[in-house]
């Protein structure tokens, strides 16, 4: 009985992860579309990145509070250094 329950739980967890990934990918597609539209209208990539970071952080603070978001952001330097956000090689 426990094995069947564990399999059902594992399946539900896997399905939830898939739904979360699909939702995140859909959101990313919308952001990329907005990014491309802004660039075509003359907004510089650095300005767009700055505005999107501000919007994202503001939204996270609204959802999770300043302390939680500050903790999350405190881990970003190390994650950036380890290449988590590197999509392509940059010249230094």
PDB file of N, CA and C in Angstrom:
ATOM      1  N   UNK A   1       0.826  -1.197   0.000  1.00  0.00           N
ATOM      2  CA  UNK A   1       0.000   0.000   0.000  1.00  0.00           C
ATOM      3  C   UNK A   1       0.862   1.250   0.000  1.00  0.00           C
ATOM      4  N   UNK A   2       1.908   1.284   0.841  1.00  0.00           N
ATOM      5  CA  UNK A   2       2.781   2.449   0.891  1.00  0.00           C
ATOM      6  C   UNK A   2       3.520   2.660  -0.422  1.00  0.00           C
ATOM      7  N   UNK A   3       3.910   1.553  -1.097  1.00  0.00           N
ATOM      8  CA  UNK A   3       4.593   1.676  -2.375  1.00  0.00           C
ATOM      9  C   UNK A   3       3.707   2.349  -3.413  1.00  0.00           C
ATOM     10  N   UNK A   4       2.449   1.947  -3.451  1.00  0.00           N
ATOM     11  CA  UNK A   4       1.510   2.551  -4.394  1.00  0.00           C
ATOM     12  C   UNK A   4       1.309   4.025  -4.082  1.00  0.00           C
ATOM     13  N   UNK A   5       1.198   4.359  -2.829  1.00  0.00           N
ATOM     14  CA  UNK A   5       1.031   5.748  -2.410  1.00  0.00           C
ATOM     15  C   UNK A   5       2.277   6.562  -2.760  1.00  0.00           C
ATOM     16  N   UNK A   6       3.456   5.994  -2.529  1.00  0.00           N
ATOM     17  CA  UNK A   6       4.710   6.682  -2.869  1.00  0.00           C
ATOM     18  C   UNK A   6       4.812   6.917  -4.366  1.00  0.00           C
ATOM     19  N   UNK A   7       4.404   5.930  -5.178  1.00  0.00           N
ATOM     20  CA  UNK A   7       4.452   6.095  -6.638  1.00  0.00           C
ATOM     21  C   UNK A   7       3.493   7.193  -7.079  1.00  0.00           C
ATOM     22  N   UNK A   8       2.303   7.226  -6.484  1.00  0.00           N
ATOM     23  CA  UNK A   8       1.334   8.277  -6.820  1.00  0.00           C
ATOM     24  C   UNK A   8       1.880   9.643  -6.438  1.00  0.00           C
ATOM     25  N   UNK A   9       2.493   9.738  -5.283  1.00  0.00           N
ATOM     26  CA  UNK A   9       3.080  11.002  -4.836  1.00  0.00           C
ATOM     27  C   UNK A   9       4.216  11.416  -5.756  1.00  0.00           C
ATOM     28  N   UNK A  10       5.086  10.458  -6.107  1.00  0.00           N
ATOM     29  CA  UNK A  10       6.203  10.758  -7.017  1.00  0.00           C
ATOM     30  C   UNK A  10       5.682  11.223  -8.366  1.00  0.00           C
ATOM     31  N   UNK A  11       4.642  10.563  -8.876  1.00  0.00           N
ATOM     32  CA  UNK A  11       4.053  10.940 -10.161  1.00  0.00           C
ATOM     33  C   UNK A  11       3.453  12.340 -10.081  1.00  0.00           C
ATOM     34  N   UNK A  12       2.739  12.633  -9.016  1.00  0.00           N
ATOM     35  CA  UNK A  12       2.137  13.960  -8.837  1.00  0.00           C
ATOM     36  C   UNK A  12       3.223  15.022  -8.733  1.00  0.00           C
ATOM     37  N   UNK A  13       4.307  14.723  -8.008  1.00  0.00           N
ATOM     38  CA  UNK A  13       5.418  15.668  -7.889  1.00  0.00           C
ATOM     39  C   UNK A  13       6.058  15.915  -9.248  1.00  0.00           C
ATOM     40  N   UNK A  14       6.273  14.864 -10.016  1.00  0.00           N
ATOM     41  CA  UNK A  14       6.878  14.998 -11.341  1.00  0.00           C
ATOM     42  C   UNK A  14       5.981  15.814 -12.259  1.00  0.00           C
ATOM     43  N   UNK A  15       4.683  15.558 -12.207  1.00  0.00           N
ATOM     44  CA  UNK A  15       3.743  16.321 -13.029  1.00  0.00           C
ATOM     45  C   UNK A  15       3.725  17.791 -12.625  1.00  0.00           C
ATOM     46  N   UNK A  16       3.809  18.064 -11.347  1.00  0.00           N
ATOM     47  CA  UNK A  16       3.847  19.452 -10.869  1.00  0.00           C
ATOM     48  C   UNK A  16       5.114  20.145 -11.356  1.00  0.00           C
ATOM     49  N   UNK A  17       6.239  19.445 -11.329  1.00  0.00           N
ATOM     50  CA  UNK A  17       7.487  20.022 -11.831  1.00  0.00           C
ATOM     51  C   UNK A  17       7.407  20.310 -13.326  1.00  0.00           C
ATOM     52  N   UNK A  18       6.793  19.415 -14.071  1.00  0.00           N
ATOM     53  CA  UNK A  18       6.627  19.627 -15.512  1.00  0.00           C
ATOM     54  C   UNK A  18       5.743  20.835 -15.774  1.00  0.00           C
ATOM     55  N   UNK A  19       4.631  20.945 -15.042  1.00  0.00           N
ATOM     56  CA  UNK A  19       3.747  22.108 -15.212  1.00  0.00           C
ATOM     57  C   UNK A  19       4.468  23.405 -14.865  1.00  0.00           C
ATOM     58  N   UNK A  20       5.278  23.376 -13.795  1.00  0.00           N
ATOM     59  CA  UNK A  20       6.040  24.559 -13.390  1.00  0.00           C
ATOM     60  C   UNK A  20       7.039  24.942 -14.474  1.00  0.00           C
ATOM     61  N   UNK A  21       7.739  23.965 -15.021  1.00  0.00           N
ATOM     62  CA  UNK A  21       8.721  24.234 -16.082  1.00  0.00           C
ATOM     63  C   UNK A  21       8.038  24.802 -17.324  1.00  0.00           C
ATOM     64  N   UNK A  22       6.881  24.233 -17.685  1.00  0.00           N
ATOM     65  CA  UNK A  22       6.142  24.720 -18.849  1.00  0.00           C
ATOM     66  C   UNK A  22       5.662  26.153 -18.630  1.00  0.00           C
ATOM     67  N   UNK A  23       5.188  26.476 -17.432  1.00  0.00           N
ATOM     68  CA  UNK A  23       4.744  27.835 -17.127  1.00  0.00           C
ATOM     69  C   UNK A  23       5.913  28.806 -17.172  1.00  0.00           C
ATOM     70  N   UNK A  24       7.061  28.388 -16.622  1.00  0.00           N
ATOM     71  CA  UNK A  24       8.252  29.240 -16.638  1.00  0.00           C
ATOM     72  C   UNK A  24       8.723  29.468 -18.074  1.00  0.00           C
ATOM     73  N   UNK A  25       8.690  28.436 -18.903  1.00  0.00           N
ATOM     74  CA  UNK A  25       9.094  28.579 -20.301  1.00  0.00           C
ATOM     75  C   UNK A  25       8.149  29.497 -21.067  1.00  0.00           C
ATOM     76  N   UNK A  26       6.852  29.401 -20.781  1.00  0.00           N
ATOM     77  CA  UNK A  26       5.880  30.294 -21.419  1.00  0.00           C
ATOM     78  C   UNK A  26       6.144  31.736 -21.012  1.00  0.00           C
ATOM     79  N   UNK A  27       6.413  31.953 -19.726  1.00  0.00           N
ATOM     80  CA  UNK A  27       6.718  33.306 -19.251  1.00  0.00           C
ATOM     81  C   UNK A  27       7.980  33.833 -19.927  1.00  0.00           C
ATOM     82  N   UNK A  28       8.987  32.988 -20.045  1.00  0.00           N
ATOM     83  CA  UNK A  28      10.228  33.409 -20.688  1.00  0.00           C
ATOM     84  C   UNK A  28       9.988  33.773 -22.146  1.00  0.00           C
ATOM     85  N   UNK A  29       9.146  33.027 -22.841  1.00  0.00           N
ATOM     86  CA  UNK A  29       8.829  33.372 -24.239  1.00  0.00           C
ATOM     87  C   UNK A  29       8.195  34.753 -24.318  1.00  0.00           C
ATOM     88  N   UNK A  30       7.295  35.073 -23.377  1.00  0.00           N
ATOM     89  CA  UNK A  30       6.667  36.401 -23.368  1.00  0.00           C
ATOM     90  C   UNK A  30       7.704  37.496 -23.118  1.00  0.00           C
ATOM     91  N   UNK A  31       8.621  37.235 -22.203  1.00  0.00           N
ATOM     92  CA  UNK A  31       9.660  38.220 -21.901  1.00  0.00           C
ATOM     93  C   UNK A  31      10.561  38.427 -23.113  1.00  0.00           C
ATOM     94  N   UNK A  32      10.941  37.351 -23.787  1.00  0.00           N
ATOM     95  CA  UNK A  32      11.787  37.472 -24.971  1.00  0.00           C
ATOM     96  C   UNK A  32      11.069  38.251 -26.069  1.00  0.00           C
ATOM     97  N   UNK A  33       9.776  38.011 -26.244  1.00  0.00           N
ATOM     98  CA  UNK A  33       9.000  38.765 -27.230  1.00  0.00           C
ATOM     99  C   UNK A  33       8.989  40.255 -26.884  1.00  0.00           C
ATOM    100  N   UNK A  34       8.767  40.579 -25.609  1.00  0.00           N
ATOM    101  CA  UNK A  34       8.768  41.981 -25.183  1.00  0.00           C
ATOM    102  C   UNK A  34      10.152  42.590 -25.377  1.00  0.00           C
ATOM    103  N   UNK A  35      11.186  41.831 -25.055  1.00  0.00           N
ATOM    104  CA  UNK A  35      12.571  42.281 -25.225  1.00  0.00           C
ATOM    105  C   UNK A  35      12.823  42.633 -26.693  1.00  0.00           C
ATOM    106  N   UNK A  36      12.477  41.709 -27.582  1.00  0.00           N
ATOM    107  CA  UNK A  36      12.696  41.932 -29.020  1.00  0.00           C
ATOM    108  C   UNK A  36      11.935  43.150 -29.519  1.00  0.00           C
ATOM    109  N   UNK A  37      10.699  43.308 -29.060  1.00  0.00           N
ATOM    110  CA  UNK A  37       9.892  44.461 -29.461  1.00  0.00           C
ATOM    111  C   UNK A  37      10.528  45.760 -28.977  1.00  0.00           C
ATOM    112  N   UNK A  38      11.018  45.779 -27.755  1.00  0.00           N
ATOM    113  CA  UNK A  38      11.667  46.977 -27.218  1.00  0.00           C
ATOM    114  C   UNK A  38      12.930  47.312 -27.999  1.00  0.00           C
ATOM    115  N   UNK A  39      13.734  46.302 -28.315  1.00  0.00           N
ATOM    116  CA  UNK A  39      14.947  46.553 -29.093  1.00  0.00           C
ATOM    117  C   UNK A  39      14.615  47.124 -30.461  1.00  0.00           C
ATOM    118  N   UNK A  40      13.574  46.592 -31.089  1.00  0.00           N
ATOM    119  CA  UNK A  40      13.168  47.103 -32.402  1.00  0.00           C
ATOM    120  C   UNK A  40      12.693  48.547 -32.329  1.00  0.00           C
ATOM    121  N   UNK A  41      12.174  48.949 -31.179  1.00  0.00           N
ATOM    122  CA  UNK A  41      11.703  50.332 -31.026  1.00  0.00           C
ATOM    123  C   UNK A  41      12.812  51.280 -30.578  1.00  0.00           C
ATOM    124  N   UNK A  42      14.047  50.748 -30.407  1.00  0.00           N
ATOM    125  CA  UNK A  42      15.180  51.606 -30.099  1.00  0.00           C
ATOM    126  C   UNK A  42      15.672  51.585 -28.670  1.00  0.00           C
ATOM    127  N   UNK A  43      15.089  50.753 -27.816  1.00  0.00           N
ATOM    128  CA  UNK A  43      15.562  50.659 -26.441  1.00  0.00           C
ATOM    129  C   UNK A  43      16.872  49.873 -26.450  1.00  0.00           C
ATOM    130  N   UNK A  44      17.875  50.369 -25.738  1.00  0.00           N
ATOM    131  CA  UNK A  44      19.168  49.689 -25.667  1.00  0.00           C
ATOM    132  C   UNK A  44      19.066  48.458 -24.765  1.00  0.00           C
ATOM    133  N   UNK A  45      19.808  47.393 -25.092  1.00  0.00           N
ATOM    134  CA  UNK A  45      19.735  46.160 -24.296  1.00  0.00           C
ATOM    135  C   UNK A  45      20.018  46.382 -22.807  1.00  0.00           C
ATOM    136  N   UNK A  46      20.985  47.243 -22.483  1.00  0.00           N
ATOM    137  CA  UNK A  46      21.311  47.487 -21.076  1.00  0.00           C
ATOM    138  C   UNK A  46      20.156  48.159 -20.352  1.00  0.00           C
ATOM    139  N   UNK A  47      19.452  49.073 -21.044  1.00  0.00           N
ATOM    140  CA  UNK A  47      18.291  49.728 -20.444  1.00  0.00           C
ATOM    141  C   UNK A  47      17.168  48.720 -20.216  1.00  0.00           C
ATOM    142  N   UNK A  48      16.990  47.847 -21.168  1.00  0.00           N
ATOM    143  CA  UNK A  48      15.953  46.832 -21.053  1.00  0.00           C
ATOM    144  C   UNK A  48      16.276  45.885 -19.903  1.00  0.00           C
ATOM    145  N   UNK A  49      17.526  45.466 -19.803  1.00  0.00           N
ATOM    146  CA  UNK A  49      17.934  44.558 -18.728  1.00  0.00           C
ATOM    147  C   UNK A  49      17.717  45.205 -17.366  1.00  0.00           C
ATOM    148  N   UNK A  50      18.096  46.452 -17.240  1.00  0.00           N
ATOM    149  CA  UNK A  50      17.931  47.160 -15.981  1.00  0.00           C
ATOM    150  C   UNK A  50      16.449  47.267 -15.599  1.00  0.00           C
ATOM    151  N   UNK A  51      15.618  47.619 -16.561  1.00  0.00           N
ATOM    152  CA  UNK A  51      14.181  47.749 -16.303  1.00  0.00           C
ATOM    153  C   UNK A  51      13.571  46.396 -15.927  1.00  0.00           C
ATOM    154  N   UNK A  52      13.999  45.344 -16.597  1.00  0.00           N
ATOM    155  CA  UNK A  52      13.447  44.023 -16.301  1.00  0.00           C
ATOM    156  C   UNK A  52      13.897  43.531 -14.931  1.00  0.00           C
ATOM    157  N   UNK A  53      15.141  43.798 -14.565  1.00  0.00           N
ATOM    158  CA  UNK A  53      15.604  43.425 -13.224  1.00  0.00           C
ATOM    159  C   UNK A  53      14.796  44.150 -12.159  1.00  0.00           C
ATOM    160  N   UNK A  54      14.589  45.453 -12.361  1.00  0.00           N
ATOM    161  CA  UNK A  54      13.811  46.239 -11.409  1.00  0.00           C
ATOM    162  C   UNK A  54      12.402  45.660 -11.272  1.00  0.00           C
ATOM    163  N   UNK A  55      11.764  45.373 -12.404  1.00  0.00           N
ATOM    164  CA  UNK A  55      10.405  44.841 -12.381  1.00  0.00           C
ATOM    165  C   UNK A  55      10.373  43.471 -11.698  1.00  0.00           C
ATOM    166  N   UNK A  56      11.341  42.624 -12.008  1.00  0.00           N
ATOM    167  CA  UNK A  56      11.371  41.281 -11.427  1.00  0.00           C
ATOM    168  C   UNK A  56      11.595  41.335  -9.917  1.00  0.00           C
ATOM    169  N   UNK A  57      12.555  42.143  -9.486  1.00  0.00           N
ATOM    170  CA  UNK A  57      12.839  42.240  -8.049  1.00  0.00           C
ATOM    171  C   UNK A  57      11.650  42.837  -7.310  1.00  0.00           C
ATOM    172  N   UNK A  58      11.029  43.855  -7.885  1.00  0.00           N
ATOM    173  CA  UNK A  58       9.851  44.469  -7.258  1.00  0.00           C
ATOM    174  C   UNK A  58       8.730  43.452  -7.101  1.00  0.00           C
ATOM    175  N   UNK A  59       8.528  42.642  -8.122  1.00  0.00           N
ATOM    176  CA  UNK A  59       7.484  41.616  -8.068  1.00  0.00           C
ATOM    177  C   UNK A  59       7.800  40.571  -7.004  1.00  0.00           C
ATOM    178  N   UNK A  60       9.053  40.142  -6.933  1.00  0.00           N
ATOM    179  CA  UNK A  60       9.457  39.161  -5.927  1.00  0.00           C
ATOM    180  C   UNK A  60       9.298  39.715  -4.515  1.00  0.00           C
ATOM    181  N   UNK A  61       9.680  40.973  -4.313  1.00  0.00           N
ATOM    182  CA  UNK A  61       9.516  41.593  -2.989  1.00  0.00           C
ATOM    183  C   UNK A  61       8.040  41.631  -2.609  1.00  0.00           C
ATOM    184  N   UNK A  62       7.192  41.963  -3.571  1.00  0.00           N
ATOM    185  CA  UNK A  62       5.761  41.981  -3.293  1.00  0.00           C
ATOM    186  C   UNK A  62       5.219  40.610  -2.928  1.00  0.00           C
ATOM    187  N   UNK A  63       5.776  39.568  -3.531  1.00  0.00           N
ATOM    188  CA  UNK A  63       5.285  38.212  -3.287  1.00  0.00           C
ATOM    189  C   UNK A  63       5.902  37.566  -2.054  1.00  0.00           C
ATOM    190  N   UNK A  64       7.190  37.873  -1.769  1.00  0.00           N
ATOM    191  CA  UNK A  64       7.899  37.138  -0.727  1.00  0.00           C
ATOM    192  C   UNK A  64       8.465  38.002   0.394  1.00  0.00           C
ATOM    193  N   UNK A  65       8.478  39.320   0.217  1.00  0.00           N
ATOM    194  CA  UNK A  65       9.010  40.213   1.240  1.00  0.00           C
ATOM    195  C   UNK A  65      10.477  40.539   1.029  1.00  0.00           C
ATOM    196  N   UNK A  66      10.887  41.657   1.608  1.00  0.00           N
ATOM    197  CA  UNK A  66      12.246  42.160   1.399  1.00  0.00           C
ATOM    198  C   UNK A  66      13.327  41.206   1.899  1.00  0.00           C
ATOM    199  N   UNK A  67      13.160  40.667   3.099  1.00  0.00           N
ATOM    200  CA  UNK A  67      14.203  39.819   3.673  1.00  0.00           C
ATOM    201  C   UNK A  67      14.456  38.573   2.827  1.00  0.00           C
ATOM    202  N   UNK A  68      13.402  37.894   2.441  1.00  0.00           N
ATOM    203  CA  UNK A  68      13.537  36.668   1.644  1.00  0.00           C
ATOM    204  C   UNK A  68      14.218  36.968   0.307  1.00  0.00           C
ATOM    205  N   UNK A  69      13.811  38.055  -0.343  1.00  0.00           N
ATOM    206  CA  UNK A  69      14.390  38.407  -1.640  1.00  0.00           C
ATOM    207  C   UNK A  69      15.840  38.853  -1.465  1.00  0.00           C
ATOM    208  N   UNK A  70      16.130  39.587  -0.408  1.00  0.00           N
ATOM    209  CA  UNK A  70      17.512  40.007  -0.149  1.00  0.00           C
ATOM    210  C   UNK A  70      18.412  38.794   0.046  1.00  0.00           C
ATOM    211  N   UNK A  71      17.916  37.775   0.744  1.00  0.00           N
ATOM    212  CA  UNK A  71      18.694  36.540   0.921  1.00  0.00           C
ATOM    213  C   UNK A  71      18.948  35.860  -0.419  1.00  0.00           C
ATOM    214  N   UNK A  72      17.910  35.800  -1.239  1.00  0.00           N
ATOM    215  CA  UNK A  72      18.042  35.175  -2.548  1.00  0.00           C
ATOM    216  C   UNK A  72      19.063  35.934  -3.405  1.00  0.00           C
ATOM    217  N   UNK A  73      18.966  37.239  -3.397  1.00  0.00           N
ATOM    218  CA  UNK A  73      19.859  38.052  -4.224  1.00  0.00           C
ATOM    219  C   UNK A  73      21.291  37.997  -3.699  1.00  0.00           C
ATOM    220  N   UNK A  74      21.463  37.808  -2.410  1.00  0.00           N
ATOM    221  CA  UNK A  74      22.805  37.710  -1.843  1.00  0.00           C
ATOM    222  C   UNK A  74      23.576  36.528  -2.420  1.00  0.00           C
ATOM    223  N   UNK A  75      22.866  35.495  -2.889  1.00  0.00           N
ATOM    224  CA  UNK A  75      23.538  34.330  -3.478  1.00  0.00           C
ATOM    225  C   UNK A  75      23.875  34.524  -4.949  1.00  0.00           C
ATOM    226  N   UNK A  76      23.411  35.596  -5.563  1.00  0.00           N
ATOM    227  CA  UNK A  76      23.622  35.785  -6.995  1.00  0.00           C
ATOM    228  C   UNK A  76      25.088  35.930  -7.408  1.00  0.00           C
ATOM    229  N   UNK A  77      25.931  36.680  -6.692  1.00  0.00           N
ATOM    230  CA  UNK A  77      27.318  36.811  -7.166  1.00  0.00           C
ATOM    231  C   UNK A  77      28.006  35.463  -7.391  1.00  0.00           C
ATOM    232  N   UNK A  78      27.856  34.559  -6.453  1.00  0.00           N
ATOM    233  CA  UNK A  78      28.506  33.253  -6.594  1.00  0.00           C
ATOM    234  C   UNK A  78      27.889  32.456  -7.733  1.00  0.00           C
ATOM    235  N   UNK A  79      26.595  32.527  -7.873  1.00  0.00           N
ATOM    236  CA  UNK A  79      25.917  31.809  -8.960  1.00  0.00           C
ATOM    237  C   UNK A  79      26.331  32.372 -10.307  1.00  0.00           C
ATOM    238  N   UNK A  80      26.473  33.686 -10.391  1.00  0.00           N
ATOM    239  CA  UNK A  80      26.919  34.317 -11.635  1.00  0.00           C
ATOM    240  C   UNK A  80      28.341  33.878 -11.957  1.00  0.00           C
ATOM    241  N   UNK A  81      29.221  33.905 -10.958  1.00  0.00           N
ATOM    242  CA  UNK A  81      30.613  33.497 -11.164  1.00  0.00           C
ATOM    243  C   UNK A  81      30.733  32.044 -11.613  1.00  0.00           C
ATOM    244  N   UNK A  82      29.800  31.212 -11.192  1.00  0.00           N
ATOM    245  CA  UNK A  82      29.836  29.796 -11.580  1.00  0.00           C
ATOM    246  C   UNK A  82      29.134  29.538 -12.914  1.00  0.00           C
ATOM    247  N   UNK A  83      28.718  30.593 -13.609  1.00  0.00           N
ATOM    248  CA  UNK A  83      28.181  30.452 -14.956  1.00  0.00           C
ATOM    249  C   UNK A  83      26.705  30.133 -15.065  1.00  0.00           C
ATOM    250  N   UNK A  84      25.980  30.201 -13.957  1.00  0.00           N
ATOM    251  CA  UNK A  84      24.562  29.845 -14.008  1.00  0.00           C
ATOM    252  C   UNK A  84      23.763  30.743 -14.953  1.00  0.00           C
ATOM    253  N   UNK A  85      24.220  31.968 -15.154  1.00  0.00           N
ATOM    254  CA  UNK A  85      23.499  32.913 -16.001  1.00  0.00           C
ATOM    255  C   UNK A  85      24.237  33.222 -17.292  1.00  0.00           C
ATOM    256  N   UNK A  86      25.255  32.478 -17.615  1.00  0.00           N
ATOM    257  CA  UNK A  86      26.032  32.732 -18.831  1.00  0.00           C
ATOM    258  C   UNK A  86      25.422  31.976 -19.985  1.00  0.00           C
ATOM    259  N   UNK A  87      24.915  32.727 -20.954  1.00  0.00           N
ATOM    260  CA  UNK A  87      24.322  32.114 -22.142  1.00  0.00           C
ATOM    261  C   UNK A  87      25.358  31.991 -23.259  1.00  0.00           C
ATOM    262  N   UNK A  88      26.357  32.846 -23.221  1.00  0.00           N
ATOM    263  CA  UNK A  88      27.399  32.829 -24.230  1.00  0.00           C
ATOM    264  C   UNK A  88      28.653  33.409 -23.608  1.00  0.00           C
ATOM    265  N   UNK A  89      29.785  33.116 -24.212  1.00  0.00           N
ATOM    266  CA  UNK A  89      31.065  33.620 -23.681  1.00  0.00           C
ATOM    267  C   UNK A  89      31.163  35.131 -23.886  1.00  0.00           C
ATOM    268  N   UNK A  90      31.655  35.809 -22.895  1.00  0.00           N
ATOM    269  CA  UNK A  90      31.887  37.244 -22.987  1.00  0.00           C
ATOM    270  C   UNK A  90      33.386  37.483 -23.015  1.00  0.00           C
ATOM    271  N   UNK A  91      33.783  38.584 -23.638  1.00  0.00           N
ATOM    272  CA  UNK A  91      35.213  38.917 -23.632  1.00  0.00           C
ATOM    273  C   UNK A  91      35.491  39.802 -22.439  1.00  0.00           C
ATOM    274  N   UNK A  92      36.559  39.503 -21.733  1.00  0.00           N
ATOM    275  CA  UNK A  92      36.905  40.266 -20.531  1.00  0.00           C
ATOM    276  C   UNK A  92      38.013  41.226 -20.849  1.00  0.00           C
TER     277      UNK A  92
END
